[in-house]
């Protein structure tokens, strides 16, 4: 029996229901779910993570759908993929990967996983770390010092 390994990747800053949906849907596609958590230094396409990489890794590893969680490689994003040798790689609905280009890059490295884009989590507006930060600012304000002493 061949084990179907699925790899999901992401920053996973400020965990929210959209992250959980992505990982639950990814896990449904295989026997094991390996999650590669982006290194702080490698996050360049959006604001730097608020939560340090080691903390993000621990949070993701604790989630029920996750079989294994590791930090990404600092210089070669394909190294963990080679080591895991997945059957399938899932991409989140808002991740900036071109599936055709990614498939080509994998093929050049003799890697042949299927690539599946997971749809958007539709239940609620807090399905993005950016939206969570915006909500915190709206609700608590940039200078909410009234509750600091009691909180």
C-alpha atoms as a PDB file:
ATOM      1  CA  UNK A   1       0.000   0.000   0.000  1.00  0.00           C
ATOM      2  CA  UNK A   2       1.387   3.383  -1.028  1.00  0.00           C
ATOM      3  CA  UNK A   3       0.955   6.235   1.416  1.00  0.00           C
ATOM      4  CA  UNK A   4      -0.442   9.391  -0.173  1.00  0.00           C
ATOM      5  CA  UNK A   5       1.571  12.273   1.230  1.00  0.00           C
ATOM      6  CA  UNK A   6       0.114  15.725   0.832  1.00  0.00           C
ATOM      7  CA  UNK A   7       2.192  18.875   1.303  1.00  0.00           C
ATOM      8  CA  UNK A   8       0.621  22.215   2.199  1.00  0.00           C
ATOM      9  CA  UNK A   9       2.695  25.360   2.568  1.00  0.00           C
ATOM     10  CA  UNK A  10       2.147  28.795   4.019  1.00  0.00           C
ATOM     11  CA  UNK A  11       3.130  31.464   6.471  1.00  0.00           C
ATOM     12  CA  UNK A  12       0.320  30.686   8.945  1.00  0.00           C
ATOM     13  CA  UNK A  13       0.668  33.968  10.791  1.00  0.00           C
ATOM     14  CA  UNK A  14      -2.231  34.666  13.170  1.00  0.00           C
ATOM     15  CA  UNK A  15      -4.048  31.363  12.718  1.00  0.00           C
ATOM     16  CA  UNK A  16      -7.660  31.743  11.622  1.00  0.00           C
ATOM     17  CA  UNK A  17     -10.511  29.568  10.252  1.00  0.00           C
ATOM     18  CA  UNK A  18      -9.250  29.978   6.669  1.00  0.00           C
ATOM     19  CA  UNK A  19      -5.984  28.282   7.635  1.00  0.00           C
ATOM     20  CA  UNK A  20      -7.828  25.423   9.312  1.00  0.00           C
ATOM     21  CA  UNK A  21     -10.090  25.002   6.264  1.00  0.00           C
ATOM     22  CA  UNK A  22      -7.049  24.874   3.946  1.00  0.00           C
ATOM     23  CA  UNK A  23      -5.398  22.205   6.087  1.00  0.00           C
ATOM     24  CA  UNK A  24      -8.580  20.153   6.584  1.00  0.00           C
ATOM     25  CA  UNK A  25      -9.289  20.139   2.847  1.00  0.00           C
ATOM     26  CA  UNK A  26      -5.658  19.258   2.118  1.00  0.00           C
ATOM     27  CA  UNK A  27      -5.724  16.342   4.579  1.00  0.00           C
ATOM     28  CA  UNK A  28      -8.814  14.895   2.874  1.00  0.00           C
ATOM     29  CA  UNK A  29      -6.689  14.341  -0.237  1.00  0.00           C
ATOM     30  CA  UNK A  30      -4.206  11.921   1.342  1.00  0.00           C
ATOM     31  CA  UNK A  31      -3.066   9.781   4.244  1.00  0.00           C
ATOM     32  CA  UNK A  32      -0.463  12.160   5.685  1.00  0.00           C
ATOM     33  CA  UNK A  33      -0.455  15.948   5.717  1.00  0.00           C
ATOM     34  CA  UNK A  34       2.969  17.545   5.794  1.00  0.00           C
ATOM     35  CA  UNK A  35       2.947  21.298   6.341  1.00  0.00           C
ATOM     36  CA  UNK A  36       5.902  23.474   5.420  1.00  0.00           C
ATOM     37  CA  UNK A  37       5.804  26.700   7.427  1.00  0.00           C
ATOM     38  CA  UNK A  38       7.549  29.654   5.771  1.00  0.00           C
ATOM     39  CA  UNK A  39      10.670  31.017   7.381  1.00  0.00           C
ATOM     40  CA  UNK A  40      10.471  34.613   8.600  1.00  0.00           C
ATOM     41  CA  UNK A  41      13.317  35.604   6.252  1.00  0.00           C
ATOM     42  CA  UNK A  42      11.567  34.106   3.222  1.00  0.00           C
ATOM     43  CA  UNK A  43       8.284  35.998   3.573  1.00  0.00           C
ATOM     44  CA  UNK A  44       8.722  38.748   0.985  1.00  0.00           C
ATOM     45  CA  UNK A  45       5.379  38.909  -0.826  1.00  0.00           C
ATOM     46  CA  UNK A  46       3.468  40.364   2.128  1.00  0.00           C
ATOM     47  CA  UNK A  47       4.175  42.071   5.475  1.00  0.00           C
ATOM     48  CA  UNK A  48       6.603  40.275   7.764  1.00  0.00           C
ATOM     49  CA  UNK A  49       4.940  37.763  10.109  1.00  0.00           C
ATOM     50  CA  UNK A  50       3.882  39.006  13.523  1.00  0.00           C
ATOM     51  CA  UNK A  51       4.384  35.602  15.142  1.00  0.00           C
ATOM     52  CA  UNK A  52       7.968  34.205  15.044  1.00  0.00           C
ATOM     53  CA  UNK A  53       8.548  31.137  12.843  1.00  0.00           C
ATOM     54  CA  UNK A  54       9.156  28.710  15.726  1.00  0.00           C
ATOM     55  CA  UNK A  55       5.853  29.720  17.345  1.00  0.00           C
ATOM     56  CA  UNK A  56       3.984  29.435  14.034  1.00  0.00           C
ATOM     57  CA  UNK A  57       5.496  25.981  13.552  1.00  0.00           C
ATOM     58  CA  UNK A  58       4.349  24.830  17.008  1.00  0.00           C
ATOM     59  CA  UNK A  59       0.826  26.147  16.427  1.00  0.00           C
ATOM     60  CA  UNK A  60       0.493  24.452  13.038  1.00  0.00           C
ATOM     61  CA  UNK A  61       1.948  21.177  14.348  1.00  0.00           C
ATOM     62  CA  UNK A  62      -0.735  21.109  17.064  1.00  0.00           C
ATOM     63  CA  UNK A  63      -3.630  21.257  14.596  1.00  0.00           C
ATOM     64  CA  UNK A  64      -5.628  18.046  14.208  1.00  0.00           C
ATOM     65  CA  UNK A  65      -5.299  17.595  10.408  1.00  0.00           C
ATOM     66  CA  UNK A  66      -1.496  17.981  10.491  1.00  0.00           C
ATOM     67  CA  UNK A  67       0.621  14.821  10.541  1.00  0.00           C
ATOM     68  CA  UNK A  68       4.007  16.563  10.331  1.00  0.00           C
ATOM     69  CA  UNK A  69       5.024  20.236  10.345  1.00  0.00           C
ATOM     70  CA  UNK A  70       8.472  21.555   9.438  1.00  0.00           C
ATOM     71  CA  UNK A  71      10.072  24.903   8.715  1.00  0.00           C
ATOM     72  CA  UNK A  72      10.923  25.633   5.112  1.00  0.00           C
ATOM     73  CA  UNK A  73      14.471  25.775   3.866  1.00  0.00           C
ATOM     74  CA  UNK A  74      16.135  29.186   4.056  1.00  0.00           C
ATOM     75  CA  UNK A  75      17.608  29.016   0.549  1.00  0.00           C
ATOM     76  CA  UNK A  76      15.934  26.217  -1.445  1.00  0.00           C
ATOM     77  CA  UNK A  77      12.151  25.964  -1.296  1.00  0.00           C
ATOM     78  CA  UNK A  78      12.288  22.618  -3.124  1.00  0.00           C
ATOM     79  CA  UNK A  79      14.607  20.842  -0.643  1.00  0.00           C
ATOM     80  CA  UNK A  80      11.790  19.869   1.775  1.00  0.00           C
ATOM     81  CA  UNK A  81       9.650  18.762  -1.180  1.00  0.00           C
ATOM     82  CA  UNK A  82      12.454  16.440  -2.351  1.00  0.00           C
ATOM     83  CA  UNK A  83      12.817  15.016   1.153  1.00  0.00           C
ATOM     84  CA  UNK A  84       9.078  14.483   1.722  1.00  0.00           C
ATOM     85  CA  UNK A  85       8.436  13.252  -1.848  1.00  0.00           C
ATOM     86  CA  UNK A  86       4.705  14.029  -1.795  1.00  0.00           C
ATOM     87  CA  UNK A  87       2.028  12.583  -4.016  1.00  0.00           C
ATOM     88  CA  UNK A  88       0.256  15.922  -4.028  1.00  0.00           C
ATOM     89  CA  UNK A  89       0.917  19.588  -3.189  1.00  0.00           C
ATOM     90  CA  UNK A  90      -1.949  21.844  -2.230  1.00  0.00           C
ATOM     91  CA  UNK A  91      -1.968  25.587  -2.730  1.00  0.00           C
ATOM     92  CA  UNK A  92      -4.212  27.998  -0.871  1.00  0.00           C
ATOM     93  CA  UNK A  93      -6.718  30.063  -2.852  1.00  0.00           C
ATOM     94  CA  UNK A  94      -4.722  33.269  -2.329  1.00  0.00           C
ATOM     95  CA  UNK A  95      -1.182  31.911  -2.574  1.00  0.00           C
ATOM     96  CA  UNK A  96       0.871  33.516  -5.322  1.00  0.00           C
ATOM     97  CA  UNK A  97       1.856  30.374  -7.199  1.00  0.00           C
ATOM     98  CA  UNK A  98       1.321  29.829 -10.888  1.00  0.00           C
ATOM     99  CA  UNK A  99       0.427  26.126 -11.044  1.00  0.00           C
ATOM    100  CA  UNK A 100       1.912  25.679 -14.535  1.00  0.00           C
ATOM    101  CA  UNK A 101       5.206  27.307 -13.555  1.00  0.00           C
ATOM    102  CA  UNK A 102       5.349  25.369 -10.291  1.00  0.00           C
ATOM    103  CA  UNK A 103       4.698  22.099 -12.117  1.00  0.00           C
ATOM    104  CA  UNK A 104       7.549  22.921 -14.516  1.00  0.00           C
ATOM    105  CA  UNK A 105       9.925  23.802 -11.660  1.00  0.00           C
ATOM    106  CA  UNK A 106       9.074  20.525  -9.920  1.00  0.00           C
ATOM    107  CA  UNK A 107       9.542  18.515 -13.140  1.00  0.00           C
ATOM    108  CA  UNK A 108      12.987  20.072 -13.643  1.00  0.00           C
ATOM    109  CA  UNK A 109      13.886  18.532 -10.280  1.00  0.00           C
ATOM    110  CA  UNK A 110      12.395  15.123 -11.194  1.00  0.00           C
ATOM    111  CA  UNK A 111       9.462  15.705  -8.833  1.00  0.00           C
ATOM    112  CA  UNK A 112       6.007  14.791 -10.111  1.00  0.00           C
ATOM    113  CA  UNK A 113       3.380  15.554  -7.457  1.00  0.00           C
ATOM    114  CA  UNK A 114      -0.107  16.545  -8.488  1.00  0.00           C
ATOM    115  CA  UNK A 115      -0.899  20.207  -7.706  1.00  0.00           C
ATOM    116  CA  UNK A 116      -4.327  21.143  -6.342  1.00  0.00           C
ATOM    117  CA  UNK A 117      -5.528  24.639  -5.446  1.00  0.00           C
ATOM    118  CA  UNK A 118      -7.843  24.606  -2.427  1.00  0.00           C
ATOM    119  CA  UNK A 119     -10.842  26.935  -2.631  1.00  0.00           C
ATOM    120  CA  UNK A 120     -11.626  29.852  -0.376  1.00  0.00           C
ATOM    121  CA  UNK A 121     -13.129  29.471   3.071  1.00  0.00           C
ATOM    122  CA  UNK A 122     -16.448  31.272   2.717  1.00  0.00           C
ATOM    123  CA  UNK A 123     -17.786  31.413   6.272  1.00  0.00           C
ATOM    124  CA  UNK A 124     -16.896  34.780   7.728  1.00  0.00           C
ATOM    125  CA  UNK A 125     -14.694  37.729   6.944  1.00  0.00           C
ATOM    126  CA  UNK A 126     -11.782  36.781   9.197  1.00  0.00           C
ATOM    127  CA  UNK A 127     -10.240  34.314   6.764  1.00  0.00           C
ATOM    128  CA  UNK A 128      -7.039  36.256   6.170  1.00  0.00           C
ATOM    129  CA  UNK A 129      -4.315  37.351   8.588  1.00  0.00           C
ATOM    130  CA  UNK A 130      -4.522  40.792   6.983  1.00  0.00           C
ATOM    131  CA  UNK A 131      -8.237  40.993   7.833  1.00  0.00           C
ATOM    132  CA  UNK A 132      -7.559  39.819  11.402  1.00  0.00           C
ATOM    133  CA  UNK A 133      -5.011  42.626  11.848  1.00  0.00           C
ATOM    134  CA  UNK A 134      -7.447  45.163  10.380  1.00  0.00           C
ATOM    135  CA  UNK A 135     -10.168  43.998  12.776  1.00  0.00           C
ATOM    136  CA  UNK A 136      -7.833  44.265  15.768  1.00  0.00           C
ATOM    137  CA  UNK A 137      -6.995  47.840  14.805  1.00  0.00           C
ATOM    138  CA  UNK A 138     -10.681  48.697  14.291  1.00  0.00           C
ATOM    139  CA  UNK A 139     -11.822  47.153  17.565  1.00  0.00           C
ATOM    140  CA  UNK A 140      -8.889  47.998  19.801  1.00  0.00           C
ATOM    141  CA  UNK A 141      -7.527  51.051  18.030  1.00  0.00           C
ATOM    142  CA  UNK A 142      -3.907  51.902  17.522  1.00  0.00           C
ATOM    143  CA  UNK A 143      -3.629  53.593  20.917  1.00  0.00           C
ATOM    144  CA  UNK A 144      -6.007  51.629  23.116  1.00  0.00           C
ATOM    145  CA  UNK A 145      -4.321  52.169  26.472  1.00  0.00           C
ATOM    146  CA  UNK A 146      -7.474  52.094  28.576  1.00  0.00           C
ATOM    147  CA  UNK A 147      -7.493  48.312  28.843  1.00  0.00           C
ATOM    148  CA  UNK A 148      -3.729  47.714  29.087  1.00  0.00           C
ATOM    149  CA  UNK A 149      -3.614  47.983  32.876  1.00  0.00           C
ATOM    150  CA  UNK A 150      -6.589  45.689  33.440  1.00  0.00           C
ATOM    151  CA  UNK A 151      -5.849  43.208  30.631  1.00  0.00           C
END
